[in-house]
Amino acid sequence: MILLTIRMDVPSVKRIELSQTITSLSGSIRKEKGCRRCEFLQSMEDENRLFLLEEWDNPENFKAHLKSSCFKVFRGAMNLLKEPYEMMFHTDFHSKGMKEILSRIDS
């Protein structure tokens, strides 16, 4: 599994425009082969800080996504940002059930 997190700080005058663009793209991204999750989020502390969270099943499908027209449009929209965006990739991510985690804490 591959988890992609993108943090964006957008000027307040461009927030709605960027949000509309990413919202429209996220529906198409969810339909791409191998996409397990695509979420577009806004920080509770700063309405101008936005996040895109994607989860992919394998490296091949993720690489195809990075070459897709949706991702190219997304990269173009990044010109609206007031500073460079931060992109983080996480691989070999293993999620554990909350029950298992809590049982280890309580032990």
C-alpha atoms as a PDB file:
ATOM      1  CA  MET A   1       0.000   0.000   0.000  1.00  0.00           C
ATOM      2  CA  ILE A   2       1.124   3.533  -0.743  1.00  0.00           C
ATOM      3  CA  LEU A   3      -0.187   6.559   1.100  1.00  0.00           C
ATOM      4  CA  LEU A   4       0.268  10.005  -0.457  1.00  0.00           C
ATOM      5  CA  THR A   5      -0.320  13.112   1.640  1.00  0.00           C
ATOM      6  CA  ILE A   6      -0.136  16.565   0.079  1.00  0.00           C
ATOM      7  CA  ARG A   7      -0.265  19.683   2.280  1.00  0.00           C
ATOM      8  CA  MET A   8      -1.106  22.980   0.591  1.00  0.00           C
ATOM      9  CA  ASP A   9      -1.181  26.526   1.955  1.00  0.00           C
ATOM     10  CA  VAL A  10      -3.331  28.577  -0.374  1.00  0.00           C
ATOM     11  CA  PRO A  11      -3.988  32.343  -0.398  1.00  0.00           C
ATOM     12  CA  SER A  12      -7.486  32.994   0.981  1.00  0.00           C
ATOM     13  CA  VAL A  13      -8.581  34.660  -2.299  1.00  0.00           C
ATOM     14  CA  LYS A  14      -7.709  31.471  -4.223  1.00  0.00           C
ATOM     15  CA  ARG A  15      -9.023  28.899  -1.688  1.00  0.00           C
ATOM     16  CA  ILE A  16     -12.461  28.429  -3.256  1.00  0.00           C
ATOM     17  CA  GLU A  17     -11.042  28.122  -6.774  1.00  0.00           C
ATOM     18  CA  LEU A  18      -8.461  25.523  -5.712  1.00  0.00           C
ATOM     19  CA  SER A  19     -10.991  23.663  -3.567  1.00  0.00           C
ATOM     20  CA  GLN A  20     -13.434  23.400  -6.477  1.00  0.00           C
ATOM     21  CA  THR A  21     -10.682  22.119  -8.774  1.00  0.00           C
ATOM     22  CA  ILE A  22      -9.475  19.467  -6.327  1.00  0.00           C
ATOM     23  CA  THR A  23     -13.017  18.414  -5.420  1.00  0.00           C
ATOM     24  CA  SER A  24     -13.830  17.828  -9.088  1.00  0.00           C
ATOM     25  CA  LEU A  25     -10.578  15.882  -9.595  1.00  0.00           C
ATOM     26  CA  SER A  26     -10.990  13.696  -6.515  1.00  0.00           C
ATOM     27  CA  GLY A  27     -14.046  11.957  -8.000  1.00  0.00           C
ATOM     28  CA  SER A  28     -12.050  10.970 -11.083  1.00  0.00           C
ATOM     29  CA  ILE A  29      -9.061   9.906  -8.996  1.00  0.00           C
ATOM     30  CA  ARG A  30     -11.286   7.574  -6.928  1.00  0.00           C
ATOM     31  CA  LYS A  31     -12.238   5.776 -10.158  1.00  0.00           C
ATOM     32  CA  GLU A  32      -8.619   5.122 -11.191  1.00  0.00           C
ATOM     33  CA  LYS A  33      -7.392   1.554 -11.022  1.00  0.00           C
ATOM     34  CA  GLY A  34      -5.882   0.799  -7.625  1.00  0.00           C
ATOM     35  CA  CYS A  35      -7.190   3.846  -5.776  1.00  0.00           C
ATOM     36  CA  ARG A  36      -8.432   2.749  -2.372  1.00  0.00           C
ATOM     37  CA  ARG A  37      -9.063   6.216  -1.010  1.00  0.00           C
ATOM     38  CA  CYS A  38      -8.955   9.852  -2.055  1.00  0.00           C
ATOM     39  CA  GLU A  39      -9.911  12.487   0.510  1.00  0.00           C
ATOM     40  CA  PHE A  40      -9.748  16.265   0.269  1.00  0.00           C
ATOM     41  CA  LEU A  41      -9.549  17.936   3.687  1.00  0.00           C
ATOM     42  CA  GLN A  42      -9.307  21.370   5.264  1.00  0.00           C
ATOM     43  CA  SER A  43      -7.454  22.157   8.501  1.00  0.00           C
ATOM     44  CA  MET A  44      -9.651  23.068  11.458  1.00  0.00           C
ATOM     45  CA  GLU A  45      -7.022  25.559  12.668  1.00  0.00           C
ATOM     46  CA  ASP A  46      -6.347  27.296   9.342  1.00  0.00           C
ATOM     47  CA  GLU A  47      -8.981  27.324   6.599  1.00  0.00           C
ATOM     48  CA  ASN A  48      -6.279  28.127   4.042  1.00  0.00           C
ATOM     49  CA  ARG A  49      -4.373  24.899   4.757  1.00  0.00           C
ATOM     50  CA  LEU A  50      -5.683  22.067   2.599  1.00  0.00           C
ATOM     51  CA  PHE A  51      -4.750  18.391   2.376  1.00  0.00           C
ATOM     52  CA  LEU A  52      -5.146  15.713  -0.257  1.00  0.00           C
ATOM     53  CA  LEU A  53      -4.877  12.147   1.022  1.00  0.00           C
ATOM     54  CA  GLU A  54      -4.631   9.235  -1.415  1.00  0.00           C
ATOM     55  CA  GLU A  55      -4.210   5.529  -0.748  1.00  0.00           C
ATOM     56  CA  TRP A  56      -3.066   3.177  -3.521  1.00  0.00           C
ATOM     57  CA  ASP A  57      -2.956  -0.611  -3.635  1.00  0.00           C
ATOM     58  CA  ASN A  58       0.438  -1.037  -5.332  1.00  0.00           C
ATOM     59  CA  PRO A  59       3.362   0.911  -6.852  1.00  0.00           C
ATOM     60  CA  GLU A  60       2.359   0.206 -10.454  1.00  0.00           C
ATOM     61  CA  ASN A  61      -1.097   1.760 -10.106  1.00  0.00           C
ATOM     62  CA  PHE A  62       0.342   4.668  -8.130  1.00  0.00           C
ATOM     63  CA  LYS A  63       2.938   5.370 -10.853  1.00  0.00           C
ATOM     64  CA  ALA A  64       0.188   5.286 -13.473  1.00  0.00           C
ATOM     65  CA  HIS A  65      -1.754   7.822 -11.403  1.00  0.00           C
ATOM     66  CA  LEU A  66       1.257  10.165 -11.270  1.00  0.00           C
ATOM     67  CA  LYS A  67       1.280  10.118 -15.093  1.00  0.00           C
ATOM     68  CA  SER A  68      -2.503  10.559 -15.398  1.00  0.00           C
ATOM     69  CA  SER A  69      -4.271  13.616 -16.775  1.00  0.00           C
ATOM     70  CA  CYS A  70      -5.946  14.145 -13.370  1.00  0.00           C
ATOM     71  CA  PHE A  71      -2.600  14.452 -11.632  1.00  0.00           C
ATOM     72  CA  LYS A  72      -1.314  16.796 -14.346  1.00  0.00           C
ATOM     73  CA  VAL A  73      -4.311  19.089 -13.794  1.00  0.00           C
ATOM     74  CA  PHE A  74      -3.699  18.917 -10.042  1.00  0.00           C
ATOM     75  CA  ARG A  75      -0.044  19.907 -10.505  1.00  0.00           C
ATOM     76  CA  GLY A  76      -1.149  22.831 -12.678  1.00  0.00           C
ATOM     77  CA  ALA A  77      -3.535  23.995  -9.965  1.00  0.00           C
ATOM     78  CA  MET A  78      -0.608  24.146  -7.555  1.00  0.00           C
ATOM     79  CA  ASN A  79       0.364  27.446  -9.239  1.00  0.00           C
ATOM     80  CA  LEU A  80      -2.319  29.054  -7.051  1.00  0.00           C
ATOM     81  CA  LEU A  81      -0.386  28.310  -3.852  1.00  0.00           C
ATOM     82  CA  LYS A  82       1.456  30.958  -1.871  1.00  0.00           C
ATOM     83  CA  GLU A  83       4.324  28.571  -1.111  1.00  0.00           C
ATOM     84  CA  PRO A  84       5.451  25.194  -2.406  1.00  0.00           C
ATOM     85  CA  TYR A  85       3.246  22.305  -1.417  1.00  0.00           C
ATOM     86  CA  GLU A  86       4.541  19.476   0.734  1.00  0.00           C
ATOM     87  CA  MET A  87       4.185  15.970  -0.682  1.00  0.00           C
ATOM     88  CA  MET A  88       4.849  12.932   1.514  1.00  0.00           C
ATOM     89  CA  PHE A  89       4.876   9.303   0.401  1.00  0.00           C
ATOM     90  CA  HIS A  90       4.441   6.469   2.866  1.00  0.00           C
ATOM     91  CA  THR A  91       5.002   2.852   1.893  1.00  0.00           C
ATOM     92  CA  ASP A  92       4.882  -0.414   3.815  1.00  0.00           C
ATOM     93  CA  PHE A  93       2.173   1.104   5.962  1.00  0.00           C
ATOM     94  CA  HIS A  94       0.403  -1.486   8.073  1.00  0.00           C
ATOM     95  CA  SER A  95      -2.780  -0.454   9.800  1.00  0.00           C
ATOM     96  CA  LYS A  96      -3.815  -2.235  12.937  1.00  0.00           C
ATOM     97  CA  GLY A  97      -7.229  -2.349  14.468  1.00  0.00           C
ATOM     98  CA  MET A  98      -7.872   0.108  17.270  1.00  0.00           C
ATOM     99  CA  LYS A  99      -8.806  -2.759  19.564  1.00  0.00           C
ATOM    100  CA  GLU A 100      -5.343  -4.337  19.123  1.00  0.00           C
ATOM    101  CA  ILE A 101      -3.576  -1.020  19.700  1.00  0.00           C
ATOM    102  CA  LEU A 102      -5.562  -0.278  22.833  1.00  0.00           C
ATOM    103  CA  SER A 103      -4.948  -3.745  24.207  1.00  0.00           C
ATOM    104  CA  ARG A 104      -1.188  -3.154  23.942  1.00  0.00           C
ATOM    105  CA  ILE A 105      -1.472   0.183  25.725  1.00  0.00           C
ATOM    106  CA  ASP A 106      -3.527  -1.303  28.562  1.00  0.00           C
ATOM    107  CA  SER A 107      -1.064  -4.195  29.081  1.00  0.00           C
END
